[in-house]
Amino acid sequence: MNTDWSDILITDRDLTLDPAGIPDYVTQRPSITQDIVHMILESGLLIELVGERSRAKWTGNMTRIEMLVEDDERIIPGTVVINWNDPEQIVLFAQSVMGEVSVTLSVPDNPEGIS
């Protein structure tokens, strides 16, 4: 298993460049966290919850997000915990092979702005 994870740093859905215009990188646990955020956003599961009032739909999507994250080889299975007491925000905690990661995501109020 690869233990040296790095990725181009993304900030506000755009590449982060250093003063010379070269992309910045993120490594190790922050790289895992960034990948989880992108995985969840790209799944479309948060967009499905915009304006959703059905607790069953929320529960189903949170389970699907949990399973999606646990499929990542860097996440220790059975460690994903999602707190979604606030209908506008979810907080995800998980144990990775590099230590704990946490992700806070907002349910978008403008689904057209999410790509």
PDB file of N, CA and C in Angstrom:
ATOM      1  N   MET A   1       0.841  -1.175   0.000  1.00  0.00           N
ATOM      2  CA  MET A   1       0.000   0.000   0.000  1.00  0.00           C
ATOM      3  C   MET A   1       0.890   1.243   0.000  1.00  0.00           C
ATOM      4  N   ASN A   2       0.550   2.193  -0.856  1.00  0.00           N
ATOM      5  CA  ASN A   2       1.276   3.454  -0.927  1.00  0.00           C
ATOM      6  C   ASN A   2       1.080   4.224   0.374  1.00  0.00           C
ATOM      7  N   THR A   3       2.151   4.749   0.939  1.00  0.00           N
ATOM      8  CA  THR A   3       2.032   5.525   2.177  1.00  0.00           C
ATOM      9  C   THR A   3       2.509   6.958   2.008  1.00  0.00           C
ATOM     10  N   ASP A   4       2.730   7.379   0.781  1.00  0.00           N
ATOM     11  CA  ASP A   4       3.169   8.744   0.521  1.00  0.00           C
ATOM     12  C   ASP A   4       2.157   9.415  -0.407  1.00  0.00           C
ATOM     13  N   TRP A   5       1.082   9.906   0.191  1.00  0.00           N
ATOM     14  CA  TRP A   5       0.027  10.502  -0.613  1.00  0.00           C
ATOM     15  C   TRP A   5       0.261  11.983  -0.783  1.00  0.00           C
ATOM     16  N   SER A   6       0.138  12.438  -2.006  1.00  0.00           N
ATOM     17  CA  SER A   6       0.194  13.877  -2.268  1.00  0.00           C
ATOM     18  C   SER A   6      -0.760  14.175  -3.405  1.00  0.00           C
ATOM     19  N   ASP A   7      -1.187  15.411  -3.442  1.00  0.00           N
ATOM     20  CA  ASP A   7      -2.152  15.836  -4.438  1.00  0.00           C
ATOM     21  C   ASP A   7      -1.993  17.332  -4.624  1.00  0.00           C
ATOM     22  N   ILE A   8      -2.458  17.831  -5.731  1.00  0.00           N
ATOM     23  CA  ILE A   8      -2.470  19.278  -5.945  1.00  0.00           C
ATOM     24  C   ILE A   8      -3.499  19.872  -4.994  1.00  0.00           C
ATOM     25  N   LEU A   9      -3.132  20.962  -4.336  1.00  0.00           N
ATOM     26  CA  LEU A   9      -4.020  21.614  -3.377  1.00  0.00           C
ATOM     27  C   LEU A   9      -5.126  22.375  -4.103  1.00  0.00           C
ATOM     28  N   ILE A  10      -6.354  22.103  -3.701  1.00  0.00           N
ATOM     29  CA  ILE A  10      -7.527  22.775  -4.247  1.00  0.00           C
ATOM     30  C   ILE A  10      -8.111  23.659  -3.142  1.00  0.00           C
ATOM     31  N   THR A  11      -8.343  24.930  -3.457  1.00  0.00           N
ATOM     32  CA  THR A  11      -8.973  25.859  -2.530  1.00  0.00           C
ATOM     33  C   THR A  11     -10.120  26.535  -3.267  1.00  0.00           C
ATOM     34  N   ASP A  12     -11.309  26.513  -2.668  1.00  0.00           N
ATOM     35  CA  ASP A  12     -12.497  27.108  -3.293  1.00  0.00           C
ATOM     36  C   ASP A  12     -12.687  26.612  -4.719  1.00  0.00           C
ATOM     37  N   ARG A  13     -12.543  25.288  -4.892  1.00  0.00           N
ATOM     38  CA  ARG A  13     -12.769  24.615  -6.176  1.00  0.00           C
ATOM     39  C   ARG A  13     -11.838  25.075  -7.293  1.00  0.00           C
ATOM     40  N   ASP A  14     -10.644  25.530  -6.923  1.00  0.00           N
ATOM     41  CA  ASP A  14      -9.667  25.964  -7.915  1.00  0.00           C
ATOM     42  C   ASP A  14      -8.271  25.572  -7.447  1.00  0.00           C
ATOM     43  N   LEU A  15      -7.347  25.459  -8.397  1.00  0.00           N
ATOM     44  CA  LEU A  15      -5.967  25.156  -8.048  1.00  0.00           C
ATOM     45  C   LEU A  15      -5.401  26.268  -7.183  1.00  0.00           C
ATOM     46  N   THR A  16      -4.578  25.899  -6.218  1.00  0.00           N
ATOM     47  CA  THR A  16      -3.871  26.871  -5.391  1.00  0.00           C
ATOM     48  C   THR A  16      -2.457  26.981  -5.942  1.00  0.00           C
ATOM     49  N   LEU A  17      -2.086  28.193  -6.310  1.00  0.00           N
ATOM     50  CA  LEU A  17      -0.770  28.408  -6.910  1.00  0.00           C
ATOM     51  C   LEU A  17       0.149  29.128  -5.932  1.00  0.00           C
ATOM     52  N   ASP A  18       1.447  28.796  -6.027  1.00  0.00           N
ATOM     53  CA  ASP A  18       2.415  29.519  -5.210  1.00  0.00           C
ATOM     54  C   ASP A  18       2.737  30.847  -5.906  1.00  0.00           C
ATOM     55  N   PRO A  19       3.572  31.699  -5.301  1.00  0.00           N
ATOM     56  CA  PRO A  19       3.858  33.007  -5.910  1.00  0.00           C
ATOM     57  C   PRO A  19       4.443  32.932  -7.319  1.00  0.00           C
ATOM     58  N   ALA A  20       5.070  31.809  -7.652  1.00  0.00           N
ATOM     59  CA  ALA A  20       5.641  31.654  -8.994  1.00  0.00           C
ATOM     60  C   ALA A  20       4.632  31.098  -9.991  1.00  0.00           C
ATOM     61  N   GLY A  21       3.396  30.848  -9.534  1.00  0.00           N
ATOM     62  CA  GLY A  21       2.368  30.314 -10.417  1.00  0.00           C
ATOM     63  C   GLY A  21       2.401  28.809 -10.571  1.00  0.00           C
ATOM     64  N   ILE A  22       3.145  28.147  -9.719  1.00  0.00           N
ATOM     65  CA  ILE A  22       3.240  26.690  -9.751  1.00  0.00           C
ATOM     66  C   ILE A  22       2.247  26.126  -8.737  1.00  0.00           C
ATOM     67  N   PRO A  23       1.523  25.068  -9.099  1.00  0.00           N
ATOM     68  CA  PRO A  23       0.548  24.504  -8.156  1.00  0.00           C
ATOM     69  C   PRO A  23       1.192  24.071  -6.840  1.00  0.00           C
ATOM     70  N   ASP A  24       0.506  24.405  -5.741  1.00  0.00           N
ATOM     71  CA  ASP A  24       0.914  23.931  -4.421  1.00  0.00           C
ATOM     72  C   ASP A  24       0.422  22.504  -4.242  1.00  0.00           C
ATOM     73  N   TYR A  25       1.079  21.783  -3.371  1.00  0.00           N
ATOM     74  CA  TYR A  25       0.692  20.405  -3.095  1.00  0.00           C
ATOM     75  C   TYR A  25       0.271  20.251  -1.648  1.00  0.00           C
ATOM     76  N   VAL A  26      -0.540  19.239  -1.419  1.00  0.00           N
ATOM     77  CA  VAL A  26      -0.959  18.848  -0.087  1.00  0.00           C
ATOM     78  C   VAL A  26      -0.564  17.382   0.055  1.00  0.00           C
ATOM     79  N   THR A  27      -0.080  17.011   1.255  1.00  0.00           N
ATOM     80  CA  THR A  27       0.412  15.648   1.425  1.00  0.00           C
ATOM     81  C   THR A  27      -0.186  14.998   2.662  1.00  0.00           C
ATOM     82  N   GLN A  28      -0.067  13.681   2.701  1.00  0.00           N
ATOM     83  CA  GLN A  28      -0.444  12.829   3.818  1.00  0.00           C
ATOM     84  C   GLN A  28      -1.908  13.005   4.240  1.00  0.00           C
ATOM     85  N   ARG A  29      -2.169  13.229   5.525  1.00  0.00           N
ATOM     86  CA  ARG A  29      -3.538  13.286   6.033  1.00  0.00           C
ATOM     87  C   ARG A  29      -4.363  14.398   5.374  1.00  0.00           C
ATOM     88  N   PRO A  30      -3.814  15.609   5.182  1.00  0.00           N
ATOM     89  CA  PRO A  30      -4.611  16.624   4.469  1.00  0.00           C
ATOM     90  C   PRO A  30      -4.985  16.205   3.042  1.00  0.00           C
ATOM     91  N   SER A  31      -4.137  15.418   2.399  1.00  0.00           N
ATOM     92  CA  SER A  31      -4.459  14.903   1.066  1.00  0.00           C
ATOM     93  C   SER A  31      -5.645  13.944   1.133  1.00  0.00           C
ATOM     94  N   ILE A  32      -5.653  13.098   2.155  1.00  0.00           N
ATOM     95  CA  ILE A  32      -6.768  12.159   2.344  1.00  0.00           C
ATOM     96  C   ILE A  32      -8.059  12.939   2.595  1.00  0.00           C
ATOM     97  N   THR A  33      -7.974  13.952   3.451  1.00  0.00           N
ATOM     98  CA  THR A  33      -9.145  14.775   3.757  1.00  0.00           C
ATOM     99  C   THR A  33      -9.674  15.452   2.493  1.00  0.00           C
ATOM    100  N   GLN A  34      -8.780  16.038   1.704  1.00  0.00           N
ATOM    101  CA  GLN A  34      -9.195  16.695   0.466  1.00  0.00           C
ATOM    102  C   GLN A  34      -9.865  15.699  -0.474  1.00  0.00           C
ATOM    103  N   ASP A  35      -9.312  14.504  -0.589  1.00  0.00           N
ATOM    104  CA  ASP A  35      -9.900  13.478  -1.464  1.00  0.00           C
ATOM    105  C   ASP A  35     -11.297  13.077  -0.993  1.00  0.00           C
ATOM    106  N   ILE A  36     -11.501  12.984   0.317  1.00  0.00           N
ATOM    107  CA  ILE A  36     -12.818  12.631   0.846  1.00  0.00           C
ATOM    108  C   ILE A  36     -13.832  13.712   0.499  1.00  0.00           C
ATOM    109  N   VAL A  37     -13.448  14.973   0.673  1.00  0.00           N
ATOM    110  CA  VAL A  37     -14.349  16.079   0.326  1.00  0.00           C
ATOM    111  C   VAL A  37     -14.755  15.982  -1.140  1.00  0.00           C
ATOM    112  N   HIS A  38     -13.788  15.812  -2.020  1.00  0.00           N
ATOM    113  CA  HIS A  38     -14.098  15.747  -3.447  1.00  0.00           C
ATOM    114  C   HIS A  38     -14.936  14.522  -3.791  1.00  0.00           C
ATOM    115  N   MET A  39     -14.654  13.404  -3.137  1.00  0.00           N
ATOM    116  CA  MET A  39     -15.418  12.180  -3.362  1.00  0.00           C
ATOM    117  C   MET A  39     -16.898  12.397  -3.024  1.00  0.00           C
ATOM    118  N   ILE A  40     -17.146  13.025  -1.885  1.00  0.00           N
ATOM    119  CA  ILE A  40     -18.522  13.262  -1.451  1.00  0.00           C
ATOM    120  C   ILE A  40     -19.210  14.253  -2.385  1.00  0.00           C
ATOM    121  N   LEU A  41     -18.526  15.344  -2.719  1.00  0.00           N
ATOM    122  CA  LEU A  41     -19.132  16.341  -3.608  1.00  0.00           C
ATOM    123  C   LEU A  41     -19.441  15.750  -4.978  1.00  0.00           C
ATOM    124  N   GLU A  42     -18.508  14.982  -5.518  1.00  0.00           N
ATOM    125  CA  GLU A  42     -18.708  14.400  -6.845  1.00  0.00           C
ATOM    126  C   GLU A  42     -19.776  13.320  -6.864  1.00  0.00           C
ATOM    127  N   SER A  43     -20.077  12.733  -5.716  1.00  0.00           N
ATOM    128  CA  SER A  43     -21.107  11.687  -5.669  1.00  0.00           C
ATOM    129  C   SER A  43     -22.508  12.252  -5.908  1.00  0.00           C
ATOM    130  N   GLY A  44     -22.698  13.541  -5.638  1.00  0.00           N
ATOM    131  CA  GLY A  44     -24.019  14.152  -5.791  1.00  0.00           C
ATOM    132  C   GLY A  44     -24.964  13.887  -4.633  1.00  0.00           C
ATOM    133  N   LEU A  45     -24.503  13.184  -3.608  1.00  0.00           N
ATOM    134  CA  LEU A  45     -25.385  12.823  -2.500  1.00  0.00           C
ATOM    135  C   LEU A  45     -25.827  14.032  -1.678  1.00  0.00           C
ATOM    136  N   LEU A  46     -25.001  15.061  -1.603  1.00  0.00           N
ATOM    137  CA  LEU A  46     -25.417  16.264  -0.876  1.00  0.00           C
ATOM    138  C   LEU A  46     -26.449  17.061  -1.661  1.00  0.00           C
ATOM    139  N   ILE A  47     -26.290  17.120  -2.965  1.00  0.00           N
ATOM    140  CA  ILE A  47     -27.240  17.860  -3.797  1.00  0.00           C
ATOM    141  C   ILE A  47     -28.630  17.264  -3.685  1.00  0.00           C
ATOM    142  N   GLU A  48     -28.705  15.937  -3.550  1.00  0.00           N
ATOM    143  CA  GLU A  48     -30.001  15.273  -3.401  1.00  0.00           C
ATOM    144  C   GLU A  48     -30.732  15.711  -2.137  1.00  0.00           C
ATOM    145  N   LEU A  49     -30.014  16.280  -1.173  1.00  0.00           N
ATOM    146  CA  LEU A  49     -30.629  16.656   0.102  1.00  0.00           C
ATOM    147  C   LEU A  49     -31.096  18.111   0.150  1.00  0.00           C
ATOM    148  N   VAL A  50     -30.847  18.855  -0.925  1.00  0.00           N
ATOM    149  CA  VAL A  50     -31.284  20.246  -0.954  1.00  0.00           C
ATOM    150  C   VAL A  50     -32.804  20.287  -0.830  1.00  0.00           C
ATOM    151  N   GLY A  51     -33.292  20.921   0.218  1.00  0.00           N
ATOM    152  CA  GLY A  51     -34.729  21.050   0.441  1.00  0.00           C
ATOM    153  C   GLY A  51     -35.411  19.760   0.866  1.00  0.00           C
ATOM    154  N   GLU A  52     -34.647  18.715   1.094  1.00  0.00           N
ATOM    155  CA  GLU A  52     -35.229  17.416   1.456  1.00  0.00           C
ATOM    156  C   GLU A  52     -35.637  17.414   2.928  1.00  0.00           C
ATOM    157  N   ARG A  53     -36.863  16.995   3.178  1.00  0.00           N
ATOM    158  CA  ARG A  53     -37.365  16.934   4.550  1.00  0.00           C
ATOM    159  C   ARG A  53     -37.532  15.515   5.064  1.00  0.00           C
ATOM    160  N   SER A  54     -37.400  14.561   4.187  1.00  0.00           N
ATOM    161  CA  SER A  54     -37.592  13.162   4.564  1.00  0.00           C
ATOM    162  C   SER A  54     -36.391  12.654   5.367  1.00  0.00           C
ATOM    163  N   ARG A  55     -36.645  12.276   6.595  1.00  0.00           N
ATOM    164  CA  ARG A  55     -35.570  11.733   7.433  1.00  0.00           C
ATOM    165  C   ARG A  55     -35.029  10.435   6.832  1.00  0.00           C
ATOM    166  N   ALA A  56     -35.893   9.658   6.201  1.00  0.00           N
ATOM    167  CA  ALA A  56     -35.459   8.410   5.575  1.00  0.00           C
ATOM    168  C   ALA A  56     -34.467   8.685   4.443  1.00  0.00           C
ATOM    169  N   LYS A  57     -34.730   9.723   3.649  1.00  0.00           N
ATOM    170  CA  LYS A  57     -33.819  10.092   2.557  1.00  0.00           C
ATOM    171  C   LYS A  57     -32.474  10.535   3.127  1.00  0.00           C
ATOM    172  N   TRP A  58     -32.514  11.368   4.191  1.00  0.00           N
ATOM    173  CA  TRP A  58     -31.277  11.810   4.832  1.00  0.00           C
ATOM    174  C   TRP A  58     -30.499  10.610   5.372  1.00  0.00           C
ATOM    175  N   THR A  59     -31.187   9.716   6.066  1.00  0.00           N
ATOM    176  CA  THR A  59     -30.531   8.551   6.641  1.00  0.00           C
ATOM    177  C   THR A  59     -29.898   7.691   5.544  1.00  0.00           C
ATOM    178  N   GLY A  60     -30.622   7.485   4.467  1.00  0.00           N
ATOM    179  CA  GLY A  60     -30.099   6.697   3.351  1.00  0.00           C
ATOM    180  C   GLY A  60     -28.864   7.328   2.737  1.00  0.00           C
ATOM    181  N   ASN A  61     -28.909   8.643   2.524  1.00  0.00           N
ATOM    182  CA  ASN A  61     -27.755   9.304   1.920  1.00  0.00           C
ATOM    183  C   ASN A  61     -26.554   9.327   2.860  1.00  0.00           C
ATOM    184  N   MET A  62     -26.789   9.478   4.158  1.00  0.00           N
ATOM    185  CA  MET A  62     -25.673   9.452   5.097  1.00  0.00           C
ATOM    186  C   MET A  62     -25.025   8.071   5.127  1.00  0.00           C
ATOM    187  N   THR A  63     -25.838   7.025   5.025  1.00  0.00           N
ATOM    188  CA  THR A  63     -25.298   5.668   4.959  1.00  0.00           C
ATOM    189  C   THR A  63     -24.493   5.487   3.679  1.00  0.00           C
ATOM    190  N   ARG A  64     -24.997   6.008   2.572  1.00  0.00           N
ATOM    191  CA  ARG A  64     -24.278   5.903   1.300  1.00  0.00           C
ATOM    192  C   ARG A  64     -22.953   6.667   1.354  1.00  0.00           C
ATOM    193  N   ILE A  65     -22.938   7.845   2.007  1.00  0.00           N
ATOM    194  CA  ILE A  65     -21.695   8.610   2.155  1.00  0.00           C
ATOM    195  C   ILE A  65     -20.707   7.816   3.013  1.00  0.00           C
ATOM    196  N   GLU A  66     -21.203   7.246   4.104  1.00  0.00           N
ATOM    197  CA  GLU A  66     -20.345   6.445   4.979  1.00  0.00           C
ATOM    198  C   GLU A  66     -19.708   5.292   4.209  1.00  0.00           C
ATOM    199  N   MET A  67     -20.494   4.588   3.425  1.00  0.00           N
ATOM    200  CA  MET A  67     -19.983   3.457   2.653  1.00  0.00           C
ATOM    201  C   MET A  67     -18.982   3.924   1.601  1.00  0.00           C
ATOM    202  N   LEU A  68     -19.272   5.064   0.966  1.00  0.00           N
ATOM    203  CA  LEU A  68     -18.377   5.628  -0.042  1.00  0.00           C
ATOM    204  C   LEU A  68     -17.009   5.929   0.567  1.00  0.00           C
ATOM    205  N   VAL A  69     -17.008   6.578   1.727  1.00  0.00           N
ATOM    206  CA  VAL A  69     -15.752   6.928   2.389  1.00  0.00           C
ATOM    207  C   VAL A  69     -15.018   5.678   2.842  1.00  0.00           C
ATOM    208  N   GLU A  70     -15.738   4.708   3.374  1.00  0.00           N
ATOM    209  CA  GLU A  70     -15.090   3.481   3.850  1.00  0.00           C
ATOM    210  C   GLU A  70     -14.501   2.651   2.717  1.00  0.00           C
ATOM    211  N   ASP A  71     -14.907   2.903   1.482  1.00  0.00           N
ATOM    212  CA  ASP A  71     -14.320   2.196   0.338  1.00  0.00           C
ATOM    213  C   ASP A  71     -12.901   2.676   0.047  1.00  0.00           C
ATOM    214  N   ASP A  72     -12.536   3.844   0.558  1.00  0.00           N
ATOM    215  CA  ASP A  72     -11.182   4.366   0.351  1.00  0.00           C
ATOM    216  C   ASP A  72     -10.209   3.480   1.126  1.00  0.00           C
ATOM    217  N   GLU A  73      -9.187   2.988   0.455  1.00  0.00           N
ATOM    218  CA  GLU A  73      -8.234   2.069   1.088  1.00  0.00           C
ATOM    219  C   GLU A  73      -7.472   2.701   2.251  1.00  0.00           C
ATOM    220  N   ARG A  74      -7.471   4.018   2.339  1.00  0.00           N
ATOM    221  CA  ARG A  74      -6.735   4.698   3.408  1.00  0.00           C
ATOM    222  C   ARG A  74      -7.563   4.876   4.669  1.00  0.00           C
ATOM    223  N   ILE A  75      -8.875   4.574   4.582  1.00  0.00           N
ATOM    224  CA  ILE A  75      -9.776   4.701   5.730  1.00  0.00           C
ATOM    225  C   ILE A  75      -9.926   3.335   6.394  1.00  0.00           C
ATOM    226  N   ILE A  76      -9.816   3.321   7.712  1.00  0.00           N
ATOM    227  CA  ILE A  76      -9.982   2.075   8.460  1.00  0.00           C
ATOM    228  C   ILE A  76     -11.475   1.759   8.531  1.00  0.00           C
ATOM    229  N   PRO A  77     -11.890   0.615   7.999  1.00  0.00           N
ATOM    230  CA  PRO A  77     -13.314   0.268   7.975  1.00  0.00           C
ATOM    231  C   PRO A  77     -13.937   0.289   9.368  1.00  0.00           C
ATOM    232  N   GLY A  78     -15.167   0.770   9.429  1.00  0.00           N
ATOM    233  CA  GLY A  78     -15.911   0.811  10.682  1.00  0.00           C
ATOM    234  C   GLY A  78     -15.638   2.036  11.532  1.00  0.00           C
ATOM    235  N   THR A  79     -14.812   2.963  11.039  1.00  0.00           N
ATOM    236  CA  THR A  79     -14.462   4.131  11.859  1.00  0.00           C
ATOM    237  C   THR A  79     -15.164   5.413  11.429  1.00  0.00           C
ATOM    238  N   VAL A  80     -15.928   5.361  10.356  1.00  0.00           N
ATOM    239  CA  VAL A  80     -16.586   6.587   9.867  1.00  0.00           C
ATOM    240  C   VAL A  80     -17.792   6.908  10.742  1.00  0.00           C
ATOM    241  N   VAL A  81     -17.832   8.139  11.222  1.00  0.00           N
ATOM    242  CA  VAL A  81     -18.951   8.642  12.013  1.00  0.00           C
ATOM    243  C   VAL A  81     -19.393   9.951  11.381  1.00  0.00           C
ATOM    244  N   ILE A  82     -20.701  10.058  11.118  1.00  0.00           N
ATOM    245  CA  ILE A  82     -21.240  11.275  10.513  1.00  0.00           C
ATOM    246  C   ILE A  82     -22.216  11.918  11.478  1.00  0.00           C
ATOM    247  N   ASN A  83     -21.996  13.191  11.749  1.00  0.00           N
ATOM    248  CA  ASN A  83     -22.903  13.980  12.575  1.00  0.00           C
ATOM    249  C   ASN A  83     -23.678  14.889  11.626  1.00  0.00           C
ATOM    250  N   TRP A  84     -24.992  14.720  11.584  1.00  0.00           N
ATOM    251  CA  TRP A  84     -25.812  15.556  10.704  1.00  0.00           C
ATOM    252  C   TRP A  84     -27.024  16.098  11.452  1.00  0.00           C
ATOM    253  N   ASN A  85     -26.770  16.542  12.678  1.00  0.00           N
ATOM    254  CA  ASN A  85     -27.837  17.155  13.469  1.00  0.00           C
ATOM    255  C   ASN A  85     -28.273  18.491  12.896  1.00  0.00           C
ATOM    256  N   ASP A  86     -27.370  19.181  12.234  1.00  0.00           N
ATOM    257  CA  ASP A  86     -27.676  20.450  11.585  1.00  0.00           C
ATOM    258  C   ASP A  86     -28.055  20.141  10.134  1.00  0.00           C
ATOM    259  N   PRO A  87     -29.270  20.490   9.708  1.00  0.00           N
ATOM    260  CA  PRO A  87     -29.694  20.137   8.346  1.00  0.00           C
ATOM    261  C   PRO A  87     -28.920  20.854   7.245  1.00  0.00           C
ATOM    262  N   GLU A  88     -28.109  21.823   7.603  1.00  0.00           N
ATOM    263  CA  GLU A  88     -27.341  22.542   6.586  1.00  0.00           C
ATOM    264  C   GLU A  88     -25.880  22.129   6.557  1.00  0.00           C
ATOM    265  N   GLN A  89     -25.486  21.240   7.471  1.00  0.00           N
ATOM    266  CA  GLN A  89     -24.075  20.902   7.563  1.00  0.00           C
ATOM    267  C   GLN A  89     -23.906  19.474   8.075  1.00  0.00           C
ATOM    268  N   ILE A  90     -22.952  18.766   7.484  1.00  0.00           N
ATOM    269  CA  ILE A  90     -22.589  17.456   8.014  1.00  0.00           C
ATOM    270  C   ILE A  90     -21.115  17.489   8.413  1.00  0.00           C
ATOM    271  N   VAL A  91     -20.804  16.761   9.469  1.00  0.00           N
ATOM    272  CA  VAL A  91     -19.420  16.636   9.926  1.00  0.00           C
ATOM    273  C   VAL A  91     -19.092  15.152   9.947  1.00  0.00           C
ATOM    274  N   LEU A  92     -18.022  14.800   9.279  1.00  0.00           N
ATOM    275  CA  LEU A  92     -17.615  13.410   9.157  1.00  0.00           C
ATOM    276  C   LEU A  92     -16.262  13.229   9.847  1.00  0.00           C
ATOM    277  N   PHE A  93     -16.163  12.197  10.656  1.00  0.00           N
ATOM    278  CA  PHE A  93     -14.907  11.815  11.304  1.00  0.00           C
ATOM    279  C   PHE A  93     -14.585  10.395  10.865  1.00  0.00           C
ATOM    280  N   ALA A  94     -13.300  10.120  10.682  1.00  0.00           N
ATOM    281  CA  ALA A  94     -12.874   8.763  10.342  1.00  0.00           C
ATOM    282  C   ALA A  94     -11.418   8.589  10.751  1.00  0.00           C
ATOM    283  N   GLN A  95     -11.064   7.343  10.980  1.00  0.00           N
ATOM    284  CA  GLN A  95      -9.667   7.020  11.235  1.00  0.00           C
ATOM    285  C   GLN A  95      -9.045   6.561   9.916  1.00  0.00           C
ATOM    286  N   SER A  96      -7.980   7.237   9.546  1.00  0.00           N
ATOM    287  CA  SER A  96      -7.240   6.824   8.357  1.00  0.00           C
ATOM    288  C   SER A  96      -5.957   6.135   8.803  1.00  0.00           C
ATOM    289  N   VAL A  97      -5.231   5.602   7.862  1.00  0.00           N
ATOM    290  CA  VAL A  97      -3.957   4.977   8.191  1.00  0.00           C
ATOM    291  C   VAL A  97      -2.941   6.006   8.673  1.00  0.00           C
ATOM    292  N   MET A  98      -3.246   7.309   8.486  1.00  0.00           N
ATOM    293  CA  MET A  98      -2.366   8.393   8.931  1.00  0.00           C
ATOM    294  C   MET A  98      -2.897   9.080  10.186  1.00  0.00           C
ATOM    295  N   GLY A  99      -4.032   8.627  10.734  1.00  0.00           N
ATOM    296  CA  GLY A  99      -4.626   9.262  11.903  1.00  0.00           C
ATOM    297  C   GLY A  99      -6.027   9.750  11.583  1.00  0.00           C
ATOM    298  N   GLU A 100      -6.619  10.468  12.545  1.00  0.00           N
ATOM    299  CA  GLU A 100      -8.004  10.915  12.366  1.00  0.00           C
ATOM    300  C   GLU A 100      -8.109  12.022  11.321  1.00  0.00           C
ATOM    301  N   VAL A 101      -9.158  11.926  10.524  1.00  0.00           N
ATOM    302  CA  VAL A 101      -9.493  12.984   9.582  1.00  0.00           C
ATOM    303  C   VAL A 101     -10.904  13.448   9.903  1.00  0.00           C
ATOM    304  N   SER A 102     -11.148  14.729   9.676  1.00  0.00           N
ATOM    305  CA  SER A 102     -12.502  15.246   9.843  1.00  0.00           C
ATOM    306  C   SER A 102     -12.807  16.172   8.687  1.00  0.00           C
ATOM    307  N   VAL A 103     -14.058  16.120   8.269  1.00  0.00           N
ATOM    308  CA  VAL A 103     -14.520  16.888   7.127  1.00  0.00           C
ATOM    309  C   VAL A 103     -15.831  17.551   7.509  1.00  0.00           C
ATOM    310  N   THR A 104     -15.961  18.831   7.223  1.00  0.00           N
ATOM    311  CA  THR A 104     -17.218  19.543   7.418  1.00  0.00           C
ATOM    312  C   THR A 104     -17.697  20.001   6.055  1.00  0.00           C
ATOM    313  N   LEU A 105     -18.916  19.618   5.706  1.00  0.00           N
ATOM    314  CA  LEU A 105     -19.497  19.985   4.418  1.00  0.00           C
ATOM    315  C   LEU A 105     -20.855  20.613   4.631  1.00  0.00           C
ATOM    316  N   SER A 106     -21.165  21.591   3.814  1.00  0.00           N
ATOM    317  CA  SER A 106     -22.475  22.230   3.864  1.00  0.00           C
ATOM    318  C   SER A 106     -23.356  21.662   2.774  1.00  0.00           C
ATOM    319  N   VAL A 107     -24.608  21.455   3.098  1.00  0.00           N
ATOM    320  CA  VAL A 107     -25.577  21.093   2.076  1.00  0.00           C
ATOM    321  C   VAL A 107     -25.782  22.343   1.250  1.00  0.00           C
ATOM    322  N   PRO A 108     -25.520  22.270  -0.047  1.00  0.00           N
ATOM    323  CA  PRO A 108     -25.545  23.486  -0.859  1.00  0.00           C
ATOM    324  C   PRO A 108     -26.927  24.105  -0.942  1.00  0.00           C
ATOM    325  N   ASP A 109     -26.981  25.434  -0.834  1.00  0.00           N
ATOM    326  CA  ASP A 109     -28.252  26.114  -1.029  1.00  0.00           C
ATOM    327  C   ASP A 109     -28.431  26.511  -2.481  1.00  0.00           C
ATOM    328  N   ASN A 110     -27.384  26.327  -3.286  1.00  0.00           N
ATOM    329  CA  ASN A 110     -27.452  26.618  -4.701  1.00  0.00           C
ATOM    330  C   ASN A 110     -26.880  25.430  -5.467  1.00  0.00           C
ATOM    331  N   PRO A 111     -27.705  24.411  -5.735  1.00  0.00           N
ATOM    332  CA  PRO A 111     -27.178  23.201  -6.383  1.00  0.00           C
ATOM    333  C   PRO A 111     -26.562  23.461  -7.738  1.00  0.00           C
ATOM    334  N   GLU A 112     -26.967  24.509  -8.430  1.00  0.00           N
ATOM    335  CA  GLU A 112     -26.390  24.797  -9.740  1.00  0.00           C
ATOM    336  C   GLU A 112     -24.931  25.212  -9.614  1.00  0.00           C
ATOM    337  N   GLY A 113     -24.535  25.712  -8.443  1.00  0.00           N
ATOM    338  CA  GLY A 113     -23.166  26.137  -8.217  1.00  0.00           C
ATOM    339  C   GLY A 113     -22.229  24.992  -7.918  1.00  0.00           C
ATOM    340  N   ILE A 114     -22.764  23.799  -7.741  1.00  0.00           N
ATOM    341  CA  ILE A 114     -21.938  22.630  -7.459  1.00  0.00           C
ATOM    342  C   ILE A 114     -21.737  21.868  -8.754  1.00  0.00           C
ATOM    343  N   SER A 115     -20.480  21.541  -9.013  1.00  0.00           N
ATOM    344  CA  SER A 115     -20.222  20.772 -10.239  1.00  0.00           C
ATOM    345  C   SER A 115     -19.524  19.481  -9.913  1.00  0.00           C
TER     346      SER A 115
END
